[in-house]
Amino acid sequence: MPATEPHPTPEELARLGSEVFERRVRPMLRPEDDGKFVALDVQTGDYEVDEDDYGAVSRLRARNPAAQMWLSRVGQPAAYRMRRER
């Protein structure tokens, strides 16, 4: 049975995701990508961009089922925003 690689902690995943995003993904983005989701495999640097988070994650997962996924939204500080309705 093959040995499995240890999964990074959430903090390490966030750090790796941010680094790979800035180095590899951001230079490839176009103005029309603003607001779209980016699903990124922090180990390989492989990524998908889509208006829908599920679409980006599904396509990346189809290519690499073992992807260590990091999700971001172009032009936003976080992929999701939580707010309370009054």
PDB file of N, CA and C in Angstrom:
ATOM      1  N   MET A   1       0.846  -1.167   0.000  1.00  0.00           N
ATOM      2  CA  MET A   1       0.000   0.000   0.000  1.00  0.00           C
ATOM      3  C   MET A   1       0.899   1.239   0.000  1.00  0.00           C
ATOM      4  N   PRO A   2       0.628   2.209  -0.904  1.00  0.00           N
ATOM      5  CA  PRO A   2       1.477   3.391  -0.960  1.00  0.00           C
ATOM      6  C   PRO A   2       1.299   4.272   0.260  1.00  0.00           C
ATOM      7  N   ALA A   3       2.383   4.881   0.672  1.00  0.00           N
ATOM      8  CA  ALA A   3       2.334   5.804   1.809  1.00  0.00           C
ATOM      9  C   ALA A   3       1.639   7.085   1.375  1.00  0.00           C
ATOM     10  N   THR A   4       0.872   7.650   2.266  1.00  0.00           N
ATOM     11  CA  THR A   4       0.208   8.909   1.952  1.00  0.00           C
ATOM     12  C   THR A   4       1.037  10.058   2.506  1.00  0.00           C
ATOM     13  N   GLU A   5       1.008  11.155   1.766  1.00  0.00           N
ATOM     14  CA  GLU A   5       1.733  12.332   2.220  1.00  0.00           C
ATOM     15  C   GLU A   5       0.904  13.028   3.295  1.00  0.00           C
ATOM     16  N   PRO A   6       1.566  13.607   4.282  1.00  0.00           N
ATOM     17  CA  PRO A   6       0.810  14.313   5.317  1.00  0.00           C
ATOM     18  C   PRO A   6       0.118  15.541   4.729  1.00  0.00           C
ATOM     19  N   HIS A   7      -1.079  15.803   5.202  1.00  0.00           N
ATOM     20  CA  HIS A   7      -1.810  16.979   4.743  1.00  0.00           C
ATOM     21  C   HIS A   7      -1.331  18.193   5.518  1.00  0.00           C
ATOM     22  N   PRO A   8      -1.235  19.332   4.838  1.00  0.00           N
ATOM     23  CA  PRO A   8      -0.817  20.538   5.557  1.00  0.00           C
ATOM     24  C   PRO A   8      -1.909  21.000   6.517  1.00  0.00           C
ATOM     25  N   THR A   9      -1.493  21.718   7.542  1.00  0.00           N
ATOM     26  CA  THR A   9      -2.459  22.315   8.465  1.00  0.00           C
ATOM     27  C   THR A   9      -3.238  23.384   7.698  1.00  0.00           C
ATOM     28  N   PRO A  10      -4.392  23.812   8.217  1.00  0.00           N
ATOM     29  CA  PRO A  10      -5.123  24.887   7.537  1.00  0.00           C
ATOM     30  C   PRO A  10      -4.283  26.151   7.343  1.00  0.00           C
ATOM     31  N   GLU A  11      -3.449  26.466   8.311  1.00  0.00           N
ATOM     32  CA  GLU A  11      -2.591  27.649   8.204  1.00  0.00           C
ATOM     33  C   GLU A  11      -1.563  27.482   7.093  1.00  0.00           C
ATOM     34  N   GLU A  12      -0.975  26.280   7.021  1.00  0.00           N
ATOM     35  CA  GLU A  12       0.019  26.003   5.984  1.00  0.00           C
ATOM     36  C   GLU A  12      -0.638  25.982   4.608  1.00  0.00           C
ATOM     37  N   LEU A  13      -1.825  25.432   4.512  1.00  0.00           N
ATOM     38  CA  LEU A  13      -2.557  25.402   3.258  1.00  0.00           C
ATOM     39  C   LEU A  13      -2.839  26.825   2.782  1.00  0.00           C
ATOM     40  N   ALA A  14      -3.252  27.698   3.679  1.00  0.00           N
ATOM     41  CA  ALA A  14      -3.522  29.096   3.328  1.00  0.00           C
ATOM     42  C   ALA A  14      -2.246  29.791   2.864  1.00  0.00           C
ATOM     43  N   ARG A  15      -1.147  29.552   3.570  1.00  0.00           N
ATOM     44  CA  ARG A  15       0.128  30.175   3.186  1.00  0.00           C
ATOM     45  C   ARG A  15       0.574  29.696   1.810  1.00  0.00           C
ATOM     46  N   LEU A  16       0.547  28.372   1.604  1.00  0.00           N
ATOM     47  CA  LEU A  16       0.941  27.813   0.311  1.00  0.00           C
ATOM     48  C   LEU A  16       0.023  28.296  -0.806  1.00  0.00           C
ATOM     49  N   GLY A  17      -1.278  28.299  -0.544  1.00  0.00           N
ATOM     50  CA  GLY A  17      -2.240  28.752  -1.543  1.00  0.00           C
ATOM     51  C   GLY A  17      -1.986  30.187  -1.960  1.00  0.00           C
ATOM     52  N   SER A  18      -1.757  31.062  -0.997  1.00  0.00           N
ATOM     53  CA  SER A  18      -1.480  32.469  -1.295  1.00  0.00           C
ATOM     54  C   SER A  18      -0.205  32.631  -2.106  1.00  0.00           C
ATOM     55  N   GLU A  19       0.831  31.893  -1.734  1.00  0.00           N
ATOM     56  CA  GLU A  19       2.106  31.985  -2.447  1.00  0.00           C
ATOM     57  C   GLU A  19       1.975  31.521  -3.893  1.00  0.00           C
ATOM     58  N   VAL A  20       1.350  30.368  -4.086  1.00  0.00           N
ATOM     59  CA  VAL A  20       1.198  29.825  -5.443  1.00  0.00           C
ATOM     60  C   VAL A  20       0.284  30.728  -6.268  1.00  0.00           C
ATOM     61  N   PHE A  21      -0.778  31.231  -5.659  1.00  0.00           N
ATOM     62  CA  PHE A  21      -1.694  32.123  -6.363  1.00  0.00           C
ATOM     63  C   PHE A  21      -0.948  33.356  -6.867  1.00  0.00           C
ATOM     64  N   GLU A  22      -0.182  34.002  -6.002  1.00  0.00           N
ATOM     65  CA  GLU A  22       0.534  35.221  -6.395  1.00  0.00           C
ATOM     66  C   GLU A  22       1.590  34.954  -7.468  1.00  0.00           C
ATOM     67  N   ARG A  23       2.282  33.831  -7.353  1.00  0.00           N
ATOM     68  CA  ARG A  23       3.379  33.521  -8.260  1.00  0.00           C
ATOM     69  C   ARG A  23       2.890  32.985  -9.604  1.00  0.00           C
ATOM     70  N   ARG A  24       1.884  32.114  -9.582  1.00  0.00           N
ATOM     71  CA  ARG A  24       1.523  31.387 -10.795  1.00  0.00           C
ATOM     72  C   ARG A  24       0.192  31.813 -11.421  1.00  0.00           C
ATOM     73  N   VAL A  25      -0.805  32.114 -10.594  1.00  0.00           N
ATOM     74  CA  VAL A  25      -2.146  32.367 -11.121  1.00  0.00           C
ATOM     75  C   VAL A  25      -2.364  33.837 -11.450  1.00  0.00           C
ATOM     76  N   ARG A  26      -2.070  34.721 -10.516  1.00  0.00           N
ATOM     77  CA  ARG A  26      -2.362  36.146 -10.721  1.00  0.00           C
ATOM     78  C   ARG A  26      -1.815  36.684 -12.043  1.00  0.00           C
ATOM     79  N   PRO A  27      -0.585  36.344 -12.449  1.00  0.00           N
ATOM     80  CA  PRO A  27      -0.090  36.877 -13.725  1.00  0.00           C
ATOM     81  C   PRO A  27      -0.906  36.421 -14.944  1.00  0.00           C
ATOM     82  N   MET A  28      -1.662  35.330 -14.816  1.00  0.00           N
ATOM     83  CA  MET A  28      -2.428  34.792 -15.933  1.00  0.00           C
ATOM     84  C   MET A  28      -3.860  35.331 -15.982  1.00  0.00           C
ATOM     85  N   LEU A  29      -4.302  36.017 -14.936  1.00  0.00           N
ATOM     86  CA  LEU A  29      -5.680  36.491 -14.863  1.00  0.00           C
ATOM     87  C   LEU A  29      -5.898  37.717 -15.746  1.00  0.00           C
ATOM     88  N   ARG A  30      -7.137  37.830 -16.249  1.00  0.00           N
ATOM     89  CA  ARG A  30      -7.539  38.955 -17.083  1.00  0.00           C
ATOM     90  C   ARG A  30      -8.548  39.798 -16.304  1.00  0.00           C
ATOM     91  N   PRO A  31      -8.784  41.032 -16.738  1.00  0.00           N
ATOM     92  CA  PRO A  31      -9.760  41.878 -16.029  1.00  0.00           C
ATOM     93  C   PRO A  31     -11.142  41.231 -15.933  1.00  0.00           C
ATOM     94  N   GLU A  32     -11.544  40.471 -16.925  1.00  0.00           N
ATOM     95  CA  GLU A  32     -12.869  39.834 -16.897  1.00  0.00           C
ATOM     96  C   GLU A  32     -12.950  38.687 -15.894  1.00  0.00           C
ATOM     97  N   ASP A  33     -11.826  38.293 -15.296  1.00  0.00           N
ATOM     98  CA  ASP A  33     -11.822  37.245 -14.268  1.00  0.00           C
ATOM     99  C   ASP A  33     -12.164  37.786 -12.883  1.00  0.00           C
ATOM    100  N   ASP A  34     -12.262  39.106 -12.741  1.00  0.00           N
ATOM    101  CA  ASP A  34     -12.555  39.696 -11.439  1.00  0.00           C
ATOM    102  C   ASP A  34     -13.868  39.140 -10.894  1.00  0.00           C
ATOM    103  N   GLY A  35     -13.836  38.667  -9.653  1.00  0.00           N
ATOM    104  CA  GLY A  35     -15.006  38.107  -9.000  1.00  0.00           C
ATOM    105  C   GLY A  35     -15.182  36.612  -9.215  1.00  0.00           C
ATOM    106  N   LYS A  36     -14.390  36.016 -10.104  1.00  0.00           N
ATOM    107  CA  LYS A  36     -14.501  34.576 -10.346  1.00  0.00           C
ATOM    108  C   LYS A  36     -13.752  33.801  -9.264  1.00  0.00           C
ATOM    109  N   PHE A  37     -14.097  32.522  -9.134  1.00  0.00           N
ATOM    110  CA  PHE A  37     -13.444  31.646  -8.175  1.00  0.00           C
ATOM    111  C   PHE A  37     -12.232  30.975  -8.805  1.00  0.00           C
ATOM    112  N   VAL A  38     -11.196  30.770  -7.989  1.00  0.00           N
ATOM    113  CA  VAL A  38     -10.001  30.040  -8.403  1.00  0.00           C
ATOM    114  C   VAL A  38      -9.831  28.867  -7.449  1.00  0.00           C
ATOM    115  N   ALA A  39      -9.867  27.658  -8.006  1.00  0.00           N
ATOM    116  CA  ALA A  39      -9.561  26.447  -7.243  1.00  0.00           C
ATOM    117  C   ALA A  39      -8.130  26.082  -7.600  1.00  0.00           C
ATOM    118  N   LEU A  40      -7.285  25.908  -6.592  1.00  0.00           N
ATOM    119  CA  LEU A  40      -5.853  25.738  -6.785  1.00  0.00           C
ATOM    120  C   LEU A  40      -5.348  24.537  -6.003  1.00  0.00           C
ATOM    121  N   ASP A  41      -4.552  23.698  -6.663  1.00  0.00           N
ATOM    122  CA  ASP A  41      -3.876  22.594  -5.986  1.00  0.00           C
ATOM    123  C   ASP A  41      -2.528  23.133  -5.513  1.00  0.00           C
ATOM    124  N   VAL A  42      -2.345  23.241  -4.204  1.00  0.00           N
ATOM    125  CA  VAL A  42      -1.137  23.866  -3.658  1.00  0.00           C
ATOM    126  C   VAL A  42       0.118  23.037  -3.916  1.00  0.00           C
ATOM    127  N   GLN A  43      -0.030  21.742  -4.189  1.00  0.00           N
ATOM    128  CA  GLN A  43       1.143  20.903  -4.442  1.00  0.00           C
ATOM    129  C   GLN A  43       1.647  21.038  -5.875  1.00  0.00           C
ATOM    130  N   THR A  44       0.724  21.057  -6.837  1.00  0.00           N
ATOM    131  CA  THR A  44       1.126  21.061  -8.243  1.00  0.00           C
ATOM    132  C   THR A  44       1.070  22.442  -8.880  1.00  0.00           C
ATOM    133  N   GLY A  45       0.300  23.349  -8.287  1.00  0.00           N
ATOM    134  CA  GLY A  45       0.107  24.664  -8.888  1.00  0.00           C
ATOM    135  C   GLY A  45      -0.965  24.659  -9.966  1.00  0.00           C
ATOM    136  N   ASP A  46      -1.573  23.518 -10.212  1.00  0.00           N
ATOM    137  CA  ASP A  46      -2.642  23.407 -11.187  1.00  0.00           C
ATOM    138  C   ASP A  46      -3.866  24.153 -10.664  1.00  0.00           C
ATOM    139  N   TYR A  47      -4.630  24.796 -11.544  1.00  0.00           N
ATOM    140  CA  TYR A  47      -5.773  25.570 -11.081  1.00  0.00           C
ATOM    141  C   TYR A  47      -6.874  25.627 -12.137  1.00  0.00           C
ATOM    142  N   GLU A  48      -8.050  26.031 -11.694  1.00  0.00           N
ATOM    143  CA  GLU A  48      -9.209  26.262 -12.546  1.00  0.00           C
ATOM    144  C   GLU A  48      -9.856  27.566 -12.122  1.00  0.00           C
ATOM    145  N   VAL A  49     -10.361  28.310 -13.091  1.00  0.00           N
ATOM    146  CA  VAL A  49     -11.060  29.567 -12.836  1.00  0.00           C
ATOM    147  C   VAL A  49     -12.482  29.416 -13.371  1.00  0.00           C
ATOM    148  N   ASP A  50     -13.474  29.824 -12.579  1.00  0.00           N
ATOM    149  CA  ASP A  50     -14.869  29.712 -13.004  1.00  0.00           C
ATOM    150  C   ASP A  50     -15.716  30.717 -12.235  1.00  0.00           C
ATOM    151  N   GLU A  51     -16.829  31.125 -12.815  1.00  0.00           N
ATOM    152  CA  GLU A  51     -17.748  32.020 -12.115  1.00  0.00           C
ATOM    153  C   GLU A  51     -18.412  31.323 -10.937  1.00  0.00           C
ATOM    154  N   ASP A  52     -18.416  29.994 -10.968  1.00  0.00           N
ATOM    155  CA  ASP A  52     -19.058  29.187  -9.941  1.00  0.00           C
ATOM    156  C   ASP A  52     -17.988  28.395  -9.191  1.00  0.00           C
ATOM    157  N   ASP A  53     -18.031  28.418  -7.854  1.00  0.00           N
ATOM    158  CA  ASP A  53     -17.028  27.693  -7.075  1.00  0.00           C
ATOM    159  C   ASP A  53     -17.086  26.193  -7.344  1.00  0.00           C
ATOM    160  N   TYR A  54     -18.283  25.653  -7.480  1.00  0.00           N
ATOM    161  CA  TYR A  54     -18.440  24.220  -7.719  1.00  0.00           C
ATOM    162  C   TYR A  54     -17.823  23.813  -9.053  1.00  0.00           C
ATOM    163  N   GLY A  55     -17.998  24.638 -10.075  1.00  0.00           N
ATOM    164  CA  GLY A  55     -17.425  24.338 -11.386  1.00  0.00           C
ATOM    165  C   GLY A  55     -15.906  24.290 -11.348  1.00  0.00           C
ATOM    166  N   ALA A  56     -15.292  25.273 -10.694  1.00  0.00           N
ATOM    167  CA  ALA A  56     -13.834  25.310 -10.610  1.00  0.00           C
ATOM    168  C   ALA A  56     -13.298  24.114  -9.828  1.00  0.00           C
ATOM    169  N   VAL A  57     -13.911  23.820  -8.683  1.00  0.00           N
ATOM    170  CA  VAL A  57     -13.467  22.703  -7.848  1.00  0.00           C
ATOM    171  C   VAL A  57     -13.682  21.372  -8.569  1.00  0.00           C
ATOM    172  N   SER A  58     -14.827  21.204  -9.207  1.00  0.00           N
ATOM    173  CA  SER A  58     -15.134  19.941  -9.898  1.00  0.00           C
ATOM    174  C   SER A  58     -14.156  19.651 -11.031  1.00  0.00           C
ATOM    175  N   ARG A  59     -13.845  20.651 -11.833  1.00  0.00           N
ATOM    176  CA  ARG A  59     -12.900  20.430 -12.945  1.00  0.00           C
ATOM    177  C   ARG A  59     -11.499  20.106 -12.434  1.00  0.00           C
ATOM    178  N   LEU A  60     -11.068  20.805 -11.394  1.00  0.00           N
ATOM    179  CA  LEU A  60      -9.750  20.514 -10.844  1.00  0.00           C
ATOM    180  C   LEU A  60      -9.725  19.136 -10.207  1.00  0.00           C
ATOM    181  N   ARG A  61     -10.774  18.779  -9.483  1.00  0.00           N
ATOM    182  CA  ARG A  61     -10.864  17.469  -8.828  1.00  0.00           C
ATOM    183  C   ARG A  61     -10.929  16.341  -9.870  1.00  0.00           C
ATOM    184  N   ALA A  62     -11.546  16.590 -11.026  1.00  0.00           N
ATOM    185  CA  ALA A  62     -11.617  15.583 -12.087  1.00  0.00           C
ATOM    186  C   ALA A  62     -10.221  15.287 -12.639  1.00  0.00           C
ATOM    187  N   ARG A  63      -9.379  16.295 -12.742  1.00  0.00           N
ATOM    188  CA  ARG A  63      -8.008  16.103 -13.229  1.00  0.00           C
ATOM    189  C   ARG A  63      -7.095  15.513 -12.172  1.00  0.00           C
ATOM    190  N   ASN A  64      -7.344  15.900 -10.903  1.00  0.00           N
ATOM    191  CA  ASN A  64      -6.473  15.435  -9.825  1.00  0.00           C
ATOM    192  C   ASN A  64      -7.318  15.190  -8.572  1.00  0.00           C
ATOM    193  N   PRO A  65      -7.821  13.962  -8.419  1.00  0.00           N
ATOM    194  CA  PRO A  65      -8.681  13.658  -7.268  1.00  0.00           C
ATOM    195  C   PRO A  65      -8.011  13.871  -5.909  1.00  0.00           C
ATOM    196  N   ALA A  66      -6.690  13.823  -5.867  1.00  0.00           N
ATOM    197  CA  ALA A  66      -5.969  13.981  -4.602  1.00  0.00           C
ATOM    198  C   ALA A  66      -5.501  15.417  -4.369  1.00  0.00           C
ATOM    199  N   ALA A  67      -6.008  16.359  -5.143  1.00  0.00           N
ATOM    200  CA  ALA A  67      -5.566  17.749  -5.029  1.00  0.00           C
ATOM    201  C   ALA A  67      -5.752  18.278  -3.609  1.00  0.00           C
ATOM    202  N   GLN A  68      -4.743  19.006  -3.139  1.00  0.00           N
ATOM    203  CA  GLN A  68      -4.843  19.699  -1.857  1.00  0.00           C
ATOM    204  C   GLN A  68      -5.348  21.096  -2.204  1.00  0.00           C
ATOM    205  N   MET A  69      -6.653  21.261  -2.102  1.00  0.00           N
ATOM    206  CA  MET A  69      -7.380  22.389  -2.653  1.00  0.00           C
ATOM    207  C   MET A  69      -7.338  23.630  -1.790  1.00  0.00           C
ATOM    208  N   TRP A  70      -7.161  24.759  -2.463  1.00  0.00           N
ATOM    209  CA  TRP A  70      -7.254  26.093  -1.870  1.00  0.00           C
ATOM    210  C   TRP A  70      -8.180  26.881  -2.774  1.00  0.00           C
ATOM    211  N   LEU A  71      -9.140  27.593  -2.221  1.00  0.00           N
ATOM    212  CA  LEU A  71     -10.135  28.315  -3.003  1.00  0.00           C
ATOM    213  C   LEU A  71     -10.043  29.799  -2.703  1.00  0.00           C
ATOM    214  N   SER A  72     -10.069  30.584  -3.761  1.00  0.00           N
ATOM    215  CA  SER A  72     -10.000  32.032  -3.616  1.00  0.00           C
ATOM    216  C   SER A  72     -10.970  32.656  -4.604  1.00  0.00           C
ATOM    217  N   ARG A  73     -11.161  33.959  -4.453  1.00  0.00           N
ATOM    218  CA  ARG A  73     -11.998  34.701  -5.385  1.00  0.00           C
ATOM    219  C   ARG A  73     -11.184  35.880  -5.882  1.00  0.00           C
ATOM    220  N   VAL A  74     -11.084  36.010  -7.181  1.00  0.00           N
ATOM    221  CA  VAL A  74     -10.252  37.045  -7.799  1.00  0.00           C
ATOM    222  C   VAL A  74     -10.744  38.433  -7.391  1.00  0.00           C
ATOM    223  N   GLY A  75      -9.819  39.253  -6.897  1.00  0.00           N
ATOM    224  CA  GLY A  75     -10.135  40.620  -6.513  1.00  0.00           C
ATOM    225  C   GLY A  75     -10.791  40.772  -5.157  1.00  0.00           C
ATOM    226  N   GLN A  76     -10.917  39.675  -4.413  1.00  0.00           N
ATOM    227  CA  GLN A  76     -11.559  39.707  -3.104  1.00  0.00           C
ATOM    228  C   GLN A  76     -10.580  39.199  -2.045  1.00  0.00           C
ATOM    229  N   PRO A  77     -10.700  39.676  -0.808  1.00  0.00           N
ATOM    230  CA  PRO A  77      -9.793  39.189   0.235  1.00  0.00           C
ATOM    231  C   PRO A  77     -10.100  37.757   0.675  1.00  0.00           C
ATOM    232  N   ALA A  78     -11.314  37.268   0.388  1.00  0.00           N
ATOM    233  CA  ALA A  78     -11.702  35.904   0.770  1.00  0.00           C
ATOM    234  C   ALA A  78     -12.668  35.357  -0.274  1.00  0.00           C
ATOM    235  N   ALA A  79     -12.761  34.033  -0.349  1.00  0.00           N
ATOM    236  CA  ALA A  79     -13.660  33.413  -1.318  1.00  0.00           C
ATOM    237  C   ALA A  79     -15.116  33.682  -0.975  1.00  0.00           C
ATOM    238  N   TYR A  80     -15.433  33.744   0.317  1.00  0.00           N
ATOM    239  CA  TYR A  80     -16.812  33.933   0.761  1.00  0.00           C
ATOM    240  C   TYR A  80     -16.884  35.062   1.764  1.00  0.00           C
ATOM    241  N   ARG A  81     -18.053  35.638   1.857  1.00  0.00           N
ATOM    242  CA  ARG A  81     -18.293  36.711   2.805  1.00  0.00           C
ATOM    243  C   ARG A  81     -19.500  36.326   3.643  1.00  0.00           C
ATOM    244  N   MET A  82     -19.373  36.445   4.927  1.00  0.00           N
ATOM    245  CA  MET A  82     -20.489  36.172   5.822  1.00  0.00           C
ATOM    246  C   MET A  82     -20.943  37.488   6.409  1.00  0.00           C
ATOM    247  N   ARG A  83     -22.237  37.723   6.310  1.00  0.00           N
ATOM    248  CA  ARG A  83     -22.746  38.933   6.922  1.00  0.00           C
ATOM    249  C   ARG A  83     -24.099  38.653   7.543  1.00  0.00           C
ATOM    250  N   ARG A  84     -24.410  39.426   8.486  1.00  0.00           N
ATOM    251  CA  ARG A  84     -25.654  39.251   9.218  1.00  0.00           C
ATOM    252  C   ARG A  84     -26.696  40.205   8.663  1.00  0.00           C
ATOM    253  N   GLU A  85     -27.857  39.668   8.357  1.00  0.00           N
ATOM    254  CA  GLU A  85     -28.973  40.496   7.894  1.00  0.00           C
ATOM    255  C   GLU A  85     -29.661  41.116   9.093  1.00  0.00           C
ATOM    256  N   ARG A  86     -30.109  42.302   8.967  1.00  0.00           N
ATOM    257  CA  ARG A  86     -30.819  42.966  10.071  1.00  0.00           C
ATOM    258  C   ARG A  86     -32.296  42.844   9.919  1.00  0.00           C
TER     259      ARG A  86
END
